[in-house]
Amino acid sequence: MGLGDLYVVLGEARPAAKGGSAWLVRAYVNPWARLIFAGPILMALGGALSLSDGRLRLAAGPVGAPARARPGPAE
């Protein structure tokens, strides 16, 4: 467990048994917190992969494909 997975929260002051005050402190362990960064990294890798494929460009047609004929007027 790394220190990045431990969260310490300081809460409100509460009256103590001997007339003073005590603070409420809670500690949370969240081992899945590092996966917050996995989503954007996975999306960036998918975007880079999709940009690397030259077949899917809009301006370029398939390699070796004949040019499309313009449609004529309807009769």
C-alpha atoms as a PDB file:
ATOM      1  CA  MET A   1       0.000   0.000   0.000  1.00  0.00           C
ATOM      2  CA  GLY A   2       1.462   3.336  -1.034  1.00  0.00           C
ATOM      3  CA  LEU A   3       0.891   6.661   0.664  1.00  0.00           C
ATOM      4  CA  GLY A   4      -1.204   7.787  -2.308  1.00  0.00           C
ATOM      5  CA  ASP A   5      -3.930   5.357  -1.290  1.00  0.00           C
ATOM      6  CA  LEU A   6      -4.351   6.657   2.275  1.00  0.00           C
ATOM      7  CA  TYR A   7      -6.616   9.636   2.949  1.00  0.00           C
ATOM      8  CA  VAL A   8      -6.781  11.327   6.346  1.00  0.00           C
ATOM      9  CA  VAL A   9      -9.754  13.628   6.954  1.00  0.00           C
ATOM     10  CA  LEU A  10      -9.919  16.115   9.801  1.00  0.00           C
ATOM     11  CA  GLY A  11     -13.505  16.533  10.965  1.00  0.00           C
ATOM     12  CA  GLU A  12     -15.243  18.785  13.446  1.00  0.00           C
ATOM     13  CA  ALA A  13     -14.351  19.478  17.051  1.00  0.00           C
ATOM     14  CA  ARG A  14     -16.332  17.521  19.637  1.00  0.00           C
ATOM     15  CA  PRO A  15     -16.569  18.013  23.373  1.00  0.00           C
ATOM     16  CA  ALA A  16     -14.244  15.670  25.249  1.00  0.00           C
ATOM     17  CA  ALA A  17     -15.049  13.828  28.473  1.00  0.00           C
ATOM     18  CA  LYS A  18     -12.767  16.027  30.636  1.00  0.00           C
ATOM     19  CA  GLY A  19     -14.158  19.376  29.555  1.00  0.00           C
ATOM     20  CA  GLY A  20     -11.788  20.061  26.645  1.00  0.00           C
ATOM     21  CA  SER A  21     -12.373  19.458  22.985  1.00  0.00           C
ATOM     22  CA  ALA A  22     -11.338  16.631  20.712  1.00  0.00           C
ATOM     23  CA  TRP A  23     -11.138  16.495  16.934  1.00  0.00           C
ATOM     24  CA  LEU A  24     -12.715  13.804  14.839  1.00  0.00           C
ATOM     25  CA  VAL A  25     -10.097  12.207  12.560  1.00  0.00           C
ATOM     26  CA  ARG A  26     -10.883   9.532   9.993  1.00  0.00           C
ATOM     27  CA  ALA A  27      -8.483   7.561   7.805  1.00  0.00           C
ATOM     28  CA  TYR A  28      -9.621   5.960   4.544  1.00  0.00           C
ATOM     29  CA  VAL A  29      -7.717   3.444   2.439  1.00  0.00           C
ATOM     30  CA  ASN A  30      -8.681   3.454  -1.243  1.00  0.00           C
ATOM     31  CA  PRO A  31      -6.573   1.000  -3.283  1.00  0.00           C
ATOM     32  CA  TRP A  32      -8.483   1.803  -6.508  1.00  0.00           C
ATOM     33  CA  ALA A  33      -7.586   5.528  -6.531  1.00  0.00           C
ATOM     34  CA  ARG A  34      -4.745   5.026  -8.999  1.00  0.00           C
ATOM     35  CA  LEU A  35      -7.173   3.676 -11.588  1.00  0.00           C
ATOM     36  CA  ILE A  36      -8.611   7.195 -11.953  1.00  0.00           C
ATOM     37  CA  PHE A  37      -5.722   7.885 -14.334  1.00  0.00           C
ATOM     38  CA  ALA A  38      -6.159   4.641 -16.299  1.00  0.00           C
ATOM     39  CA  GLY A  39      -9.253   5.903 -18.162  1.00  0.00           C
ATOM     40  CA  PRO A  40      -7.667   8.989 -19.761  1.00  0.00           C
ATOM     41  CA  ILE A  41      -4.494   7.048 -20.583  1.00  0.00           C
ATOM     42  CA  LEU A  42      -6.538   4.313 -22.258  1.00  0.00           C
ATOM     43  CA  MET A  43      -8.507   6.914 -24.259  1.00  0.00           C
ATOM     44  CA  ALA A  44      -5.281   8.622 -25.381  1.00  0.00           C
ATOM     45  CA  LEU A  45      -3.837   5.294 -26.530  1.00  0.00           C
ATOM     46  CA  GLY A  46      -7.023   4.530 -28.443  1.00  0.00           C
ATOM     47  CA  GLY A  47      -6.932   7.959 -30.110  1.00  0.00           C
ATOM     48  CA  ALA A  48      -3.287   7.503 -31.125  1.00  0.00           C
ATOM     49  CA  LEU A  49      -4.083   4.059 -32.487  1.00  0.00           C
ATOM     50  CA  SER A  50      -6.995   5.365 -34.539  1.00  0.00           C
ATOM     51  CA  LEU A  51      -4.875   8.207 -35.977  1.00  0.00           C
ATOM     52  CA  SER A  52      -2.097   5.806 -36.963  1.00  0.00           C
ATOM     53  CA  ASP A  53      -4.347   3.837 -39.351  1.00  0.00           C
ATOM     54  CA  GLY A  54      -4.066   5.517 -42.770  1.00  0.00           C
ATOM     55  CA  ARG A  55      -6.960   3.536 -44.262  1.00  0.00           C
ATOM     56  CA  LEU A  56      -9.530   5.437 -42.261  1.00  0.00           C
ATOM     57  CA  ARG A  57      -8.676   8.951 -43.436  1.00  0.00           C
ATOM     58  CA  LEU A  58     -11.590  10.824 -45.016  1.00  0.00           C
ATOM     59  CA  ALA A  59      -9.565  12.519 -47.779  1.00  0.00           C
ATOM     60  CA  ALA A  60      -7.805   9.374 -48.929  1.00  0.00           C
ATOM     61  CA  GLY A  61      -9.749   6.512 -50.428  1.00  0.00           C
ATOM     62  CA  PRO A  62      -8.708   2.885 -50.367  1.00  0.00           C
ATOM     63  CA  VAL A  63      -5.421   2.114 -52.075  1.00  0.00           C
ATOM     64  CA  GLY A  64      -5.948   0.976 -55.692  1.00  0.00           C
ATOM     65  CA  ALA A  65      -9.635   1.925 -55.783  1.00  0.00           C
ATOM     66  CA  PRO A  66     -10.875   3.619 -58.966  1.00  0.00           C
ATOM     67  CA  ALA A  67     -12.127   7.193 -58.790  1.00  0.00           C
ATOM     68  CA  ARG A  68     -15.884   7.498 -58.319  1.00  0.00           C
ATOM     69  CA  ALA A  69     -17.903   8.670 -61.311  1.00  0.00           C
ATOM     70  CA  ARG A  70     -20.063  11.735 -60.858  1.00  0.00           C
ATOM     71  CA  PRO A  71     -23.743  10.938 -61.002  1.00  0.00           C
ATOM     72  CA  GLY A  72     -25.558  12.288 -64.055  1.00  0.00           C
ATOM     73  CA  PRO A  73     -28.929  14.004 -64.110  1.00  0.00           C
ATOM     74  CA  ALA A  74     -31.947  11.869 -63.364  1.00  0.00           C
ATOM     75  CA  GLU A  75     -34.168  11.044 -66.350  1.00  0.00           C
END
